[in-house]
C-alpha atoms as a PDB file:
ATOM      1  CA  UNK A   1      -0.812 -27.415 -16.575  1.00  0.00           C
ATOM      2  CA  UNK A   2      -4.120 -29.257 -16.639  1.00  0.00           C
ATOM      3  CA  UNK A   3      -4.532 -31.209 -13.421  1.00  0.00           C
ATOM      4  CA  UNK A   4      -6.332 -29.583 -10.474  1.00  0.00           C
ATOM      5  CA  UNK A   5      -4.511 -28.987  -7.214  1.00  0.00           C
ATOM      6  CA  UNK A   6      -5.892 -30.240  -3.921  1.00  0.00           C
ATOM      7  CA  UNK A   7      -3.463 -28.531  -1.517  1.00  0.00           C
ATOM      8  CA  UNK A   8      -1.780 -25.226  -2.322  1.00  0.00           C
ATOM      9  CA  UNK A   9       0.801 -23.431  -0.208  1.00  0.00           C
ATOM     10  CA  UNK A  10       0.929 -19.662  -0.692  1.00  0.00           C
ATOM     11  CA  UNK A  11       4.098 -17.968   0.534  1.00  0.00           C
ATOM     12  CA  UNK A  12       2.959 -14.568   1.733  1.00  0.00           C
ATOM     13  CA  UNK A  13       4.985 -11.425   2.256  1.00  0.00           C
ATOM     14  CA  UNK A  14       6.875 -10.550   5.430  1.00  0.00           C
ATOM     15  CA  UNK A  15       5.615  -7.114   6.453  1.00  0.00           C
ATOM     16  CA  UNK A  16       2.214  -5.763   7.413  1.00  0.00           C
ATOM     17  CA  UNK A  17       1.854  -3.176   4.662  1.00  0.00           C
ATOM     18  CA  UNK A  18       2.943  -5.615   1.967  1.00  0.00           C
ATOM     19  CA  UNK A  19       0.611  -8.273   3.373  1.00  0.00           C
ATOM     20  CA  UNK A  20      -2.384  -5.928   3.192  1.00  0.00           C
ATOM     21  CA  UNK A  21      -1.564  -5.228  -0.448  1.00  0.00           C
ATOM     22  CA  UNK A  22      -1.726  -8.968  -1.219  1.00  0.00           C
ATOM     23  CA  UNK A  23      -5.372  -9.252  -0.069  1.00  0.00           C
ATOM     24  CA  UNK A  24      -6.918  -8.798  -3.552  1.00  0.00           C
ATOM     25  CA  UNK A  25      -4.581 -11.423  -5.030  1.00  0.00           C
ATOM     26  CA  UNK A  26      -5.392 -13.889  -2.259  1.00  0.00           C
ATOM     27  CA  UNK A  27      -9.104 -13.462  -2.900  1.00  0.00           C
ATOM     28  CA  UNK A  28      -8.566 -14.047  -6.631  1.00  0.00           C
ATOM     29  CA  UNK A  29      -6.538 -17.193  -5.917  1.00  0.00           C
ATOM     30  CA  UNK A  30      -9.386 -18.414  -3.710  1.00  0.00           C
ATOM     31  CA  UNK A  31     -11.871 -17.828  -6.534  1.00  0.00           C
ATOM     32  CA  UNK A  32      -9.654 -19.486  -9.163  1.00  0.00           C
ATOM     33  CA  UNK A  33      -8.945 -22.510  -6.964  1.00  0.00           C
ATOM     34  CA  UNK A  34     -12.265 -22.837  -5.190  1.00  0.00           C
ATOM     35  CA  UNK A  35     -11.935 -26.605  -4.894  1.00  0.00           C
ATOM     36  CA  UNK A  36      -8.456 -26.541  -3.383  1.00  0.00           C
ATOM     37  CA  UNK A  37      -7.258 -26.155   0.186  1.00  0.00           C
ATOM     38  CA  UNK A  38      -5.264 -22.913   0.561  1.00  0.00           C
ATOM     39  CA  UNK A  39      -2.602 -22.555   3.251  1.00  0.00           C
ATOM     40  CA  UNK A  40      -0.831 -19.222   3.750  1.00  0.00           C
ATOM     41  CA  UNK A  41       2.733 -19.246   5.071  1.00  0.00           C
ATOM     42  CA  UNK A  42       3.660 -15.946   6.714  1.00  0.00           C
ATOM     43  CA  UNK A  43       5.866 -14.598   9.470  1.00  0.00           C
ATOM     44  CA  UNK A  44       4.275 -14.747  12.946  1.00  0.00           C
ATOM     45  CA  UNK A  45       4.043 -10.969  13.275  1.00  0.00           C
ATOM     46  CA  UNK A  46       1.615 -10.703  10.350  1.00  0.00           C
ATOM     47  CA  UNK A  47      -0.378 -13.909  10.935  1.00  0.00           C
ATOM     48  CA  UNK A  48      -3.125 -12.156  12.939  1.00  0.00           C
ATOM     49  CA  UNK A  49      -3.845  -9.991   9.900  1.00  0.00           C
ATOM     50  CA  UNK A  50      -5.522 -12.990   8.262  1.00  0.00           C
ATOM     51  CA  UNK A  51      -7.444 -14.332  11.259  1.00  0.00           C
ATOM     52  CA  UNK A  52     -10.969 -15.184  10.179  1.00  0.00           C
ATOM     53  CA  UNK A  53     -10.239 -14.679   6.469  1.00  0.00           C
ATOM     54  CA  UNK A  54     -12.808 -16.596   4.439  1.00  0.00           C
ATOM     55  CA  UNK A  55     -10.407 -16.987   1.508  1.00  0.00           C
ATOM     56  CA  UNK A  56      -7.956 -19.187   3.428  1.00  0.00           C
ATOM     57  CA  UNK A  57      -8.195 -22.647   4.950  1.00  0.00           C
ATOM     58  CA  UNK A  58      -5.048 -22.483   7.072  1.00  0.00           C
ATOM     59  CA  UNK A  59      -2.487 -19.965   8.283  1.00  0.00           C
ATOM     60  CA  UNK A  60       0.988 -21.365   8.926  1.00  0.00           C
ATOM     61  CA  UNK A  61       3.320 -19.096  10.947  1.00  0.00           C
ATOM     62  CA  UNK A  62       6.811 -19.243   9.456  1.00  0.00           C
ATOM     63  CA  UNK A  63       8.493 -19.430  12.831  1.00  0.00           C
ATOM     64  CA  UNK A  64      11.615 -21.506  12.255  1.00  0.00           C
ATOM     65  CA  UNK A  65      14.890 -21.639  14.110  1.00  0.00           C
ATOM     66  CA  UNK A  66      17.801 -19.756  12.520  1.00  0.00           C
ATOM     67  CA  UNK A  67      20.419 -21.420  10.346  1.00  0.00           C
ATOM     68  CA  UNK A  68      20.403 -24.301   7.884  1.00  0.00           C
ATOM     69  CA  UNK A  69      19.138 -26.831  10.429  1.00  0.00           C
ATOM     70  CA  UNK A  70      16.140 -24.669  11.237  1.00  0.00           C
ATOM     71  CA  UNK A  71      15.421 -24.229   7.532  1.00  0.00           C
ATOM     72  CA  UNK A  72      15.604 -27.980   6.823  1.00  0.00           C
ATOM     73  CA  UNK A  73      13.484 -28.850   9.853  1.00  0.00           C
ATOM     74  CA  UNK A  74      10.749 -26.484   8.685  1.00  0.00           C
ATOM     75  CA  UNK A  75      10.989 -27.911   5.157  1.00  0.00           C
ATOM     76  CA  UNK A  76      10.402 -31.392   6.590  1.00  0.00           C
ATOM     77  CA  UNK A  77       7.384 -30.049   8.469  1.00  0.00           C
ATOM     78  CA  UNK A  78       5.921 -28.709   5.215  1.00  0.00           C
ATOM     79  CA  UNK A  79       6.780 -31.917   3.336  1.00  0.00           C
ATOM     80  CA  UNK A  80       4.497 -33.878   5.689  1.00  0.00           C
ATOM     81  CA  UNK A  81       1.560 -31.703   4.608  1.00  0.00           C
ATOM     82  CA  UNK A  82       1.811 -33.026   1.033  1.00  0.00           C
ATOM     83  CA  UNK A  83       1.261 -29.785  -0.841  1.00  0.00           C
ATOM     84  CA  UNK A  84       1.041 -30.279  -4.589  1.00  0.00           C
ATOM     85  CA  UNK A  85       1.627 -26.636  -5.550  1.00  0.00           C
ATOM     86  CA  UNK A  86       3.274 -23.521  -4.135  1.00  0.00           C
ATOM     87  CA  UNK A  87       2.382 -19.982  -5.242  1.00  0.00           C
ATOM     88  CA  UNK A  88       5.138 -17.569  -4.247  1.00  0.00           C
ATOM     89  CA  UNK A  89       3.909 -14.045  -3.603  1.00  0.00           C
ATOM     90  CA  UNK A  90       7.234 -13.304  -1.947  1.00  0.00           C
ATOM     91  CA  UNK A  91      10.014 -12.747  -4.472  1.00  0.00           C
ATOM     92  CA  UNK A  92      12.967 -13.837  -2.310  1.00  0.00           C
ATOM     93  CA  UNK A  93      15.277 -16.757  -3.068  1.00  0.00           C
ATOM     94  CA  UNK A  94      14.435 -18.426   0.253  1.00  0.00           C
ATOM     95  CA  UNK A  95      10.742 -18.710  -0.613  1.00  0.00           C
ATOM     96  CA  UNK A  96      11.512 -20.834  -3.675  1.00  0.00           C
ATOM     97  CA  UNK A  97      14.236 -22.783  -1.875  1.00  0.00           C
ATOM     98  CA  UNK A  98      11.837 -23.707   0.918  1.00  0.00           C
ATOM     99  CA  UNK A  99       9.166 -24.910  -1.529  1.00  0.00           C
ATOM    100  CA  UNK A 100      11.816 -26.964  -3.332  1.00  0.00           C
ATOM    101  CA  UNK A 101      13.196 -28.433  -0.093  1.00  0.00           C
ATOM    102  CA  UNK A 102       9.636 -29.280   1.005  1.00  0.00           C
ATOM    103  CA  UNK A 103       9.217 -31.424  -2.115  1.00  0.00           C
ATOM    104  CA  UNK A 104       6.340 -29.387  -3.533  1.00  0.00           C
ATOM    105  CA  UNK A 105       6.229 -30.517  -7.186  1.00  0.00           C
ATOM    106  CA  UNK A 106       4.711 -27.378  -8.771  1.00  0.00           C
ATOM    107  CA  UNK A 107       6.337 -24.071  -7.821  1.00  0.00           C
ATOM    108  CA  UNK A 108       4.962 -20.868  -9.340  1.00  0.00           C
ATOM    109  CA  UNK A 109       6.466 -17.391  -9.041  1.00  0.00           C
ATOM    110  CA  UNK A 110       8.553 -14.659 -10.604  1.00  0.00           C
ATOM    111  CA  UNK A 111      12.135 -15.713 -11.484  1.00  0.00           C
ATOM    112  CA  UNK A 112      13.661 -13.070  -9.216  1.00  0.00           C
ATOM    113  CA  UNK A 113      16.621 -13.108  -6.831  1.00  0.00           C
ATOM    114  CA  UNK A 114      18.496 -15.820  -8.759  1.00  0.00           C
ATOM    115  CA  UNK A 115      15.844 -18.477  -8.111  1.00  0.00           C
ATOM    116  CA  UNK A 116      14.825 -19.330 -11.687  1.00  0.00           C
ATOM    117  CA  UNK A 117      16.182 -22.885 -11.440  1.00  0.00           C
ATOM    118  CA  UNK A 118      14.000 -23.570  -8.364  1.00  0.00           C
ATOM    119  CA  UNK A 119      10.711 -22.604 -10.043  1.00  0.00           C
ATOM    120  CA  UNK A 120       8.836 -25.045 -12.280  1.00  0.00           C
ATOM    121  CA  UNK A 121       6.534 -22.395 -13.758  1.00  0.00           C
ATOM    122  CA  UNK A 122       8.282 -18.998 -13.948  1.00  0.00           C
ATOM    123  CA  UNK A 123       5.919 -16.090 -14.506  1.00  0.00           C
ATOM    124  CA  UNK A 124       6.478 -13.164 -16.858  1.00  0.00           C
ATOM    125  CA  UNK A 125       6.687  -9.549 -15.784  1.00  0.00           C
ATOM    126  CA  UNK A 126       4.220  -7.320 -17.618  1.00  0.00           C
ATOM    127  CA  UNK A 127       5.517  -3.814 -18.286  1.00  0.00           C
ATOM    128  CA  UNK A 128       2.613  -1.954 -16.623  1.00  0.00           C
ATOM    129  CA  UNK A 129       2.889  -4.178 -13.571  1.00  0.00           C
ATOM    130  CA  UNK A 130       6.585  -3.391 -13.160  1.00  0.00           C
ATOM    131  CA  UNK A 131       5.885   0.342 -13.132  1.00  0.00           C
ATOM    132  CA  UNK A 132       2.586   0.614 -11.298  1.00  0.00           C
ATOM    133  CA  UNK A 133       1.277  -0.072  -7.810  1.00  0.00           C
ATOM    134  CA  UNK A 134       2.430  -3.344  -6.272  1.00  0.00           C
ATOM    135  CA  UNK A 135      -1.161  -4.443  -5.742  1.00  0.00           C
ATOM    136  CA  UNK A 136      -1.132  -5.239  -9.480  1.00  0.00           C
ATOM    137  CA  UNK A 137       2.135  -7.125  -9.114  1.00  0.00           C
ATOM    138  CA  UNK A 138       0.421  -9.648  -6.840  1.00  0.00           C
ATOM    139  CA  UNK A 139      -2.735  -9.681  -8.960  1.00  0.00           C
ATOM    140  CA  UNK A 140      -0.516 -10.500 -11.931  1.00  0.00           C
ATOM    141  CA  UNK A 141       0.741 -13.592 -10.090  1.00  0.00           C
ATOM    142  CA  UNK A 142      -2.862 -14.681  -9.474  1.00  0.00           C
ATOM    143  CA  UNK A 143      -3.788 -13.959 -13.092  1.00  0.00           C
ATOM    144  CA  UNK A 144      -0.913 -15.870 -14.688  1.00  0.00           C
ATOM    145  CA  UNK A 145      -1.404 -18.786 -12.292  1.00  0.00           C
ATOM    146  CA  UNK A 146      -5.073 -19.070 -13.261  1.00  0.00           C
ATOM    147  CA  UNK A 147      -4.104 -18.922 -16.930  1.00  0.00           C
ATOM    148  CA  UNK A 148      -1.617 -21.749 -16.447  1.00  0.00           C
ATOM    149  CA  UNK A 149      -4.369 -23.955 -15.046  1.00  0.00           C
ATOM    150  CA  UNK A 150      -7.399 -22.975 -17.135  1.00  0.00           C
ATOM    151  CA  UNK A 151      -6.006 -21.280 -20.222  1.00  0.00           C
ATOM    152  CA  UNK A 152      -7.505 -17.913 -19.320  1.00  0.00           C
ATOM    153  CA  UNK A 153      -7.700 -15.414 -16.474  1.00  0.00           C
ATOM    154  CA  UNK A 154     -10.766 -13.857 -14.882  1.00  0.00           C
ATOM    155  CA  UNK A 155      -8.796 -11.754 -12.393  1.00  0.00           C
ATOM    156  CA  UNK A 156     -10.407  -8.347 -11.887  1.00  0.00           C
ATOM    157  CA  UNK A 157      -7.656  -5.711 -12.123  1.00  0.00           C
ATOM    158  CA  UNK A 158     -10.151  -2.826 -12.163  1.00  0.00           C
ATOM    159  CA  UNK A 159     -11.867  -3.439  -8.830  1.00  0.00           C
ATOM    160  CA  UNK A 160      -9.385  -5.058  -6.425  1.00  0.00           C
ATOM    161  CA  UNK A 161     -11.079  -6.422  -3.310  1.00  0.00           C
ATOM    162  CA  UNK A 162      -8.753  -4.936  -0.694  1.00  0.00           C
ATOM    163  CA  UNK A 163     -11.160  -4.911   2.271  1.00  0.00           C
ATOM    164  CA  UNK A 164      -9.781  -6.284   5.540  1.00  0.00           C
ATOM    165  CA  UNK A 165     -12.191  -8.233   7.776  1.00  0.00           C
ATOM    166  CA  UNK A 166     -12.526  -7.182  11.413  1.00  0.00           C
ATOM    167  CA  UNK A 167     -12.973  -9.519  14.341  1.00  0.00           C
ATOM    168  CA  UNK A 168     -16.161  -8.229  15.997  1.00  0.00           C
ATOM    169  CA  UNK A 169     -15.217  -9.628  19.402  1.00  0.00           C
ATOM    170  CA  UNK A 170     -11.807  -7.903  19.302  1.00  0.00           C
ATOM    171  CA  UNK A 171     -13.486  -4.695  18.196  1.00  0.00           C
ATOM    172  CA  UNK A 172     -15.927  -4.756  21.119  1.00  0.00           C
ATOM    173  CA  UNK A 173     -13.109  -5.501  23.575  1.00  0.00           C
ATOM    174  CA  UNK A 174     -11.037  -2.602  22.219  1.00  0.00           C
ATOM    175  CA  UNK A 175     -14.071  -0.312  22.410  1.00  0.00           C
ATOM    176  CA  UNK A 176     -14.388  -1.061  26.128  1.00  0.00           C
ATOM    177  CA  UNK A 177     -10.630  -0.665  26.660  1.00  0.00           C
ATOM    178  CA  UNK A 178     -10.594   2.755  25.022  1.00  0.00           C
ATOM    179  CA  UNK A 179     -13.578   3.831  27.113  1.00  0.00           C
ATOM    180  CA  UNK A 180     -11.644   2.791  30.238  1.00  0.00           C
ATOM    181  CA  UNK A 181      -8.671   4.889  29.050  1.00  0.00           C
ATOM    182  CA  UNK A 182     -10.781   8.017  28.682  1.00  0.00           C
ATOM    183  CA  UNK A 183     -12.374   7.957  25.245  1.00  0.00           C
ATOM    184  CA  UNK A 184     -16.003   9.014  25.125  1.00  0.00           C
ATOM    185  CA  UNK A 185     -17.981   7.532  22.272  1.00  0.00           C
ATOM    186  CA  UNK A 186     -19.463  10.898  21.292  1.00  0.00           C
ATOM    187  CA  UNK A 187     -15.965  12.212  20.590  1.00  0.00           C
ATOM    188  CA  UNK A 188     -14.129  11.566  17.355  1.00  0.00           C
ATOM    189  CA  UNK A 189     -11.251   9.142  17.745  1.00  0.00           C
ATOM    190  CA  UNK A 190      -8.054  10.104  15.907  1.00  0.00           C
ATOM    191  CA  UNK A 191      -5.251   7.543  15.759  1.00  0.00           C
ATOM    192  CA  UNK A 192      -1.660   8.766  15.365  1.00  0.00           C
ATOM    193  CA  UNK A 193       1.038   6.342  14.238  1.00  0.00           C
ATOM    194  CA  UNK A 194       4.387   8.181  14.437  1.00  0.00           C
ATOM    195  CA  UNK A 195       6.761   5.241  13.949  1.00  0.00           C
ATOM    196  CA  UNK A 196       8.267   3.373  11.005  1.00  0.00           C
ATOM    197  CA  UNK A 197      10.235   0.421  12.274  1.00  0.00           C
ATOM    198  CA  UNK A 198      12.478  -0.316   9.327  1.00  0.00           C
ATOM    199  CA  UNK A 199      13.509   3.153   8.134  1.00  0.00           C
ATOM    200  CA  UNK A 200      13.876   6.261  10.342  1.00  0.00           C
ATOM    201  CA  UNK A 201      13.718   8.525   7.272  1.00  0.00           C
ATOM    202  CA  UNK A 202      10.065   7.514   6.805  1.00  0.00           C
ATOM    203  CA  UNK A 203       9.184   9.184  10.118  1.00  0.00           C
ATOM    204  CA  UNK A 204       7.695  12.654  10.249  1.00  0.00           C
ATOM    205  CA  UNK A 205       9.210  14.660  13.105  1.00  0.00           C
ATOM    206  CA  UNK A 206       8.086  14.043  16.726  1.00  0.00           C
ATOM    207  CA  UNK A 207       7.744  17.773  17.504  1.00  0.00           C
ATOM    208  CA  UNK A 208       5.388  18.152  14.539  1.00  0.00           C
ATOM    209  CA  UNK A 209       3.291  15.175  15.596  1.00  0.00           C
ATOM    210  CA  UNK A 210       3.115  16.767  19.061  1.00  0.00           C
ATOM    211  CA  UNK A 211       1.968  20.152  17.717  1.00  0.00           C
ATOM    212  CA  UNK A 212      -0.530  18.505  15.378  1.00  0.00           C
ATOM    213  CA  UNK A 213      -2.009  16.396  18.184  1.00  0.00           C
ATOM    214  CA  UNK A 214      -2.398  19.431  20.432  1.00  0.00           C
ATOM    215  CA  UNK A 215      -4.079  21.385  17.621  1.00  0.00           C
ATOM    216  CA  UNK A 216      -6.555  18.562  17.076  1.00  0.00           C
ATOM    217  CA  UNK A 217      -7.321  18.293  20.793  1.00  0.00           C
ATOM    218  CA  UNK A 218      -7.640  22.083  21.165  1.00  0.00           C
ATOM    219  CA  UNK A 219      -9.887  22.683  18.183  1.00  0.00           C
ATOM    220  CA  UNK A 220     -11.906  19.480  17.679  1.00  0.00           C
ATOM    221  CA  UNK A 221     -14.013  17.486  20.107  1.00  0.00           C
ATOM    222  CA  UNK A 222     -11.855  14.393  19.848  1.00  0.00           C
ATOM    223  CA  UNK A 223      -9.555  11.963  21.583  1.00  0.00           C
ATOM    224  CA  UNK A 224      -6.090  11.246  20.203  1.00  0.00           C
ATOM    225  CA  UNK A 225      -4.703   7.732  20.564  1.00  0.00           C
ATOM    226  CA  UNK A 226      -1.055   6.841  19.890  1.00  0.00           C
ATOM    227  CA  UNK A 227      -0.620   3.462  18.185  1.00  0.00           C
ATOM    228  CA  UNK A 228       2.361   1.430  17.061  1.00  0.00           C
ATOM    229  CA  UNK A 229       4.640  -1.485  17.812  1.00  0.00           C
ATOM    230  CA  UNK A 230       6.592  -1.955  21.032  1.00  0.00           C
ATOM    231  CA  UNK A 231       9.793  -0.978  19.205  1.00  0.00           C
ATOM    232  CA  UNK A 232       8.200   2.429  18.552  1.00  0.00           C
ATOM    233  CA  UNK A 233       7.183   3.160  22.135  1.00  0.00           C
ATOM    234  CA  UNK A 234      10.059   5.598  22.706  1.00  0.00           C
ATOM    235  CA  UNK A 235       8.864   7.675  19.726  1.00  0.00           C
ATOM    236  CA  UNK A 236       5.371   7.969  21.181  1.00  0.00           C
ATOM    237  CA  UNK A 237       6.855   8.867  24.577  1.00  0.00           C
ATOM    238  CA  UNK A 238       8.942  11.612  22.975  1.00  0.00           C
ATOM    239  CA  UNK A 239       5.819  13.068  21.365  1.00  0.00           C
ATOM    240  CA  UNK A 240       3.733  12.843  24.536  1.00  0.00           C
ATOM    241  CA  UNK A 241       6.450  14.643  26.527  1.00  0.00           C
ATOM    242  CA  UNK A 242       6.220  17.592  24.127  1.00  0.00           C
ATOM    243  CA  UNK A 243       2.422  17.803  24.201  1.00  0.00           C
ATOM    244  CA  UNK A 244       0.320  20.108  26.337  1.00  0.00           C
ATOM    245  CA  UNK A 245      -2.534  17.606  26.428  1.00  0.00           C
ATOM    246  CA  UNK A 246      -2.496  13.937  27.380  1.00  0.00           C
ATOM    247  CA  UNK A 247      -3.372  11.485  24.607  1.00  0.00           C
ATOM    248  CA  UNK A 248      -4.324   7.856  25.013  1.00  0.00           C
ATOM    249  CA  UNK A 249      -1.288   5.653  24.597  1.00  0.00           C
ATOM    250  CA  UNK A 250      -1.655   2.218  23.019  1.00  0.00           C
ATOM    251  CA  UNK A 251       1.831   2.079  21.490  1.00  0.00           C
ATOM    252  CA  UNK A 252       3.484  -1.201  22.405  1.00  0.00           C
ATOM    253  CA  UNK A 253       0.447  -2.334  24.406  1.00  0.00           C
ATOM    254  CA  UNK A 254      -1.603  -4.149  21.765  1.00  0.00           C
ATOM    255  CA  UNK A 255      -1.335  -7.246  19.623  1.00  0.00           C
ATOM    256  CA  UNK A 256      -1.817  -6.916  15.880  1.00  0.00           C
ATOM    257  CA  UNK A 257      -5.432  -8.075  16.228  1.00  0.00           C
ATOM    258  CA  UNK A 258      -6.042  -5.424  18.911  1.00  0.00           C
ATOM    259  CA  UNK A 259      -4.367  -2.756  16.774  1.00  0.00           C
ATOM    260  CA  UNK A 260      -6.664  -3.639  13.871  1.00  0.00           C
ATOM    261  CA  UNK A 261      -9.645  -3.306  16.211  1.00  0.00           C
ATOM    262  CA  UNK A 262      -8.461   0.109  17.435  1.00  0.00           C
ATOM    263  CA  UNK A 263      -7.933   1.371  13.898  1.00  0.00           C
ATOM    264  CA  UNK A 264     -11.369   0.099  12.864  1.00  0.00           C
ATOM    265  CA  UNK A 265     -12.929   2.335  15.530  1.00  0.00           C
ATOM    266  CA  UNK A 266     -11.012   5.451  14.469  1.00  0.00           C
ATOM    267  CA  UNK A 267     -12.612   8.370  12.666  1.00  0.00           C
ATOM    268  CA  UNK A 268      -9.210   9.311  11.227  1.00  0.00           C
ATOM    269  CA  UNK A 269      -5.785   7.699  11.104  1.00  0.00           C
ATOM    270  CA  UNK A 270      -2.653   9.809  10.569  1.00  0.00           C
ATOM    271  CA  UNK A 271       0.432   7.735   9.932  1.00  0.00           C
ATOM    272  CA  UNK A 272       3.840   7.513   8.378  1.00  0.00           C
ATOM    273  CA  UNK A 273       4.334   5.051   5.531  1.00  0.00           C
ATOM    274  CA  UNK A 274       4.088   1.890   7.614  1.00  0.00           C
ATOM    275  CA  UNK A 275       1.738  -0.982   8.483  1.00  0.00           C
ATOM    276  CA  UNK A 276      -1.096   0.779  10.362  1.00  0.00           C
ATOM    277  CA  UNK A 277      -1.701   3.140   7.429  1.00  0.00           C
ATOM    278  CA  UNK A 278      -2.290   0.176   5.123  1.00  0.00           C
ATOM    279  CA  UNK A 279      -4.521  -1.542   7.663  1.00  0.00           C
ATOM    280  CA  UNK A 280      -6.602   1.611   8.191  1.00  0.00           C
ATOM    281  CA  UNK A 281      -7.077   2.065   4.451  1.00  0.00           C
ATOM    282  CA  UNK A 282      -8.129  -1.577   4.069  1.00  0.00           C
ATOM    283  CA  UNK A 283     -10.660  -0.961   6.844  1.00  0.00           C
ATOM    284  CA  UNK A 284     -12.036   1.960   4.786  1.00  0.00           C
ATOM    285  CA  UNK A 285     -11.162   4.416   7.539  1.00  0.00           C
ATOM    286  CA  UNK A 286     -10.252   8.001   6.571  1.00  0.00           C
ATOM    287  CA  UNK A 287      -6.470   7.907   6.435  1.00  0.00           C
ATOM    288  CA  UNK A 288      -3.621  10.373   5.908  1.00  0.00           C
ATOM    289  CA  UNK A 289      -0.269   8.794   5.079  1.00  0.00           C
ATOM    290  CA  UNK A 290       2.844  10.970   5.219  1.00  0.00           C
ATOM    291  CA  UNK A 291       5.388   9.930   2.597  1.00  0.00           C
ATOM    292  CA  UNK A 292       9.018  10.979   2.438  1.00  0.00           C
ATOM    293  CA  UNK A 293      11.733   9.001   0.626  1.00  0.00           C
ATOM    294  CA  UNK A 294       9.631   6.096  -0.701  1.00  0.00           C
ATOM    295  CA  UNK A 295       7.745   5.531  -3.965  1.00  0.00           C
ATOM    296  CA  UNK A 296       4.174   6.389  -3.031  1.00  0.00           C
ATOM    297  CA  UNK A 297       2.976   5.580  -6.556  1.00  0.00           C
ATOM    298  CA  UNK A 298       4.249   1.990  -6.380  1.00  0.00           C
ATOM    299  CA  UNK A 299       3.405   1.090  -2.794  1.00  0.00           C
ATOM    300  CA  UNK A 300       0.869   2.986  -0.722  1.00  0.00           C
ATOM    301  CA  UNK A 301      -2.402   2.421   1.168  1.00  0.00           C
ATOM    302  CA  UNK A 302      -5.185   1.569  -1.281  1.00  0.00           C
ATOM    303  CA  UNK A 303      -8.661   2.889  -0.572  1.00  0.00           C
ATOM    304  CA  UNK A 304     -10.970   5.734  -1.680  1.00  0.00           C
ATOM    305  CA  UNK A 305     -10.773   6.980   1.922  1.00  0.00           C
ATOM    306  CA  UNK A 306      -6.960   7.239   1.908  1.00  0.00           C
ATOM    307  CA  UNK A 307      -4.980  10.399   1.131  1.00  0.00           C
ATOM    308  CA  UNK A 308      -1.230  10.777   0.663  1.00  0.00           C
ATOM    309  CA  UNK A 309       0.844  13.788   1.683  1.00  0.00           C
ATOM    310  CA  UNK A 310       4.315  14.253   0.253  1.00  0.00           C
ATOM    311  CA  UNK A 311       6.707  17.063  -0.625  1.00  0.00           C
ATOM    312  CA  UNK A 312       8.240  16.596  -4.099  1.00  0.00           C
ATOM    313  CA  UNK A 313      12.026  16.999  -4.030  1.00  0.00           C
ATOM    314  CA  UNK A 314      14.650  16.217  -6.652  1.00  0.00           C
ATOM    315  CA  UNK A 315      16.341  13.483  -4.604  1.00  0.00           C
ATOM    316  CA  UNK A 316      13.209  11.446  -3.865  1.00  0.00           C
ATOM    317  CA  UNK A 317      12.474   8.617  -3.964  1.00  0.00           C
ATOM    318  CA  UNK A 318      15.800   7.498  -2.560  1.00  0.00           C
ATOM    319  CA  UNK A 319      14.958   4.654  -0.138  1.00  0.00           C
ATOM    320  CA  UNK A 320      18.026   5.553   1.905  1.00  0.00           C
ATOM    321  CA  UNK A 321      18.091   5.076   5.685  1.00  0.00           C
ATOM    322  CA  UNK A 322      20.333   8.064   6.350  1.00  0.00           C
ATOM    323  CA  UNK A 323      19.714  11.382   4.591  1.00  0.00           C
ATOM    324  CA  UNK A 324      22.878  12.907   3.039  1.00  0.00           C
ATOM    325  CA  UNK A 325      21.178  16.303   2.680  1.00  0.00           C
ATOM    326  CA  UNK A 326      18.577  17.909   4.935  1.00  0.00           C
ATOM    327  CA  UNK A 327      15.534  15.580   4.887  1.00  0.00           C
ATOM    328  CA  UNK A 328      13.632  18.124   2.810  1.00  0.00           C
ATOM    329  CA  UNK A 329      11.040  15.556   1.722  1.00  0.00           C
ATOM    330  CA  UNK A 330       9.748  15.505   5.303  1.00  0.00           C
ATOM    331  CA  UNK A 331      10.550  19.088   6.299  1.00  0.00           C
ATOM    332  CA  UNK A 332       8.328  20.355   3.498  1.00  0.00           C
ATOM    333  CA  UNK A 333       5.252  18.737   5.057  1.00  0.00           C
ATOM    334  CA  UNK A 334       4.053  21.295   7.588  1.00  0.00           C
ATOM    335  CA  UNK A 335       1.840  20.871  10.628  1.00  0.00           C
ATOM    336  CA  UNK A 336      -0.704  23.266   9.113  1.00  0.00           C
ATOM    337  CA  UNK A 337      -0.859  21.194   5.925  1.00  0.00           C
ATOM    338  CA  UNK A 338      -1.546  17.966   7.819  1.00  0.00           C
ATOM    339  CA  UNK A 339      -4.065  19.717  10.067  1.00  0.00           C
ATOM    340  CA  UNK A 340      -6.000  21.165   7.110  1.00  0.00           C
ATOM    341  CA  UNK A 341      -6.008  17.764   5.420  1.00  0.00           C
ATOM    342  CA  UNK A 342      -7.280  16.206   8.655  1.00  0.00           C
ATOM    343  CA  UNK A 343     -10.202  18.646   8.727  1.00  0.00           C
ATOM    344  CA  UNK A 344     -11.083  17.671   5.161  1.00  0.00           C
ATOM    345  CA  UNK A 345     -10.896  13.967   5.999  1.00  0.00           C
ATOM    346  CA  UNK A 346     -13.183  14.510   8.983  1.00  0.00           C
ATOM    347  CA  UNK A 347     -15.674  16.468   6.883  1.00  0.00           C
ATOM    348  CA  UNK A 348     -15.118  19.631   8.919  1.00  0.00           C
ATOM    349  CA  UNK A 349     -14.040  21.850   6.040  1.00  0.00           C
END
C-alpha cells in the first residue's frame, strides 16, 4: 500500500465504554493520516462523545432503518461520499459488509466474525494484544494500518492519549443546573452511577448504593448526584427510596453531552462497569469502578485517577447475564470497602 488516502471512513464501536477506549487509536490514526479527511461512523447514542474532537473531520451517526433495505440505503449514502479507505475498529461482520456494499476500495480490519473475504487488508493479531487491555487492541489496528501505508509504525503504546475533551459551554450550563438543584460549589460533588444497561449482573446492589450514599452525605460535606440513562431511572428511584437523605437526581434527564459535563464537575465518580465510569476516567476524575463478572484486566476505565474494586471468585469472569450461584463476585464488595476507597480517592484518608 503506497498511495495516500484522501477520505477515510472509520467504523467506531457501538457502546460508550468501548468508544472511550478507542480514543488513543483515533488520535494515532489522525497523526498517521494528517493529510486525509477522517469520518467516524458510530451509533447515534455515542456520537456526542466525539463532539468537538480535533482528531476528526466528520461524525456520521449510523442511524439506518432496520432490515436489508435500510442497510442498502445507508450503503448508498456512504457510496456518495467517495471514501477511498475504511478502517474497521468494530470487529463485527456488518462493519465489513457495509464498507464493501458502500464500494470503499480499501478495507482494513481484523478478519473476525467470518468477514475475511470482505477485507482487502486483513490485520494480524499480536499475542500480547489478544491477552491485554483492549485499548492496545485498537492501537494495534492503528499501528498495523500505518505500517501498511508507510512501512513502519510510530504508534505510542506506552503513553496512550486517552483524554476526553469537554465542551466548556455544556460544562457551564450543567454547573448552573446543578446549583439550581441544590449543589453548593463549596461542597464536593460525588456522582453515583448504579446502572448497567446491558447486563444486570454488573450492577452492585441498590441497598448498598443507598447505604453508601447516606454514609457519604452524613460524614462528608458533599452532594450526591445520581446519573445514568433513562433506562436506568427505576434503579436510581429504588436507591433514593431507601435513602435517608435526598440526592440530586439526573438519571434519565441528561443527554450524553450533559452527562459528560456533569461527570467533569465531579470530585468523585462511583460506578458499575459501564459507560460513565469510562467517561469519568477519560476526564481524569477520581473514579471507583465496581467490577463483578467481567474481565477488568481486558476492559476497564483507563486513567491514573481510576481505581477498580472487585472480589476474586473462582467462577469469574463469566460474562453471564443470570448468576447460577449466589452472585458472590458482587456480594463480596462491602459498603465499608467502597466507602474507605472513596475517602482515599477524595484525599480524606
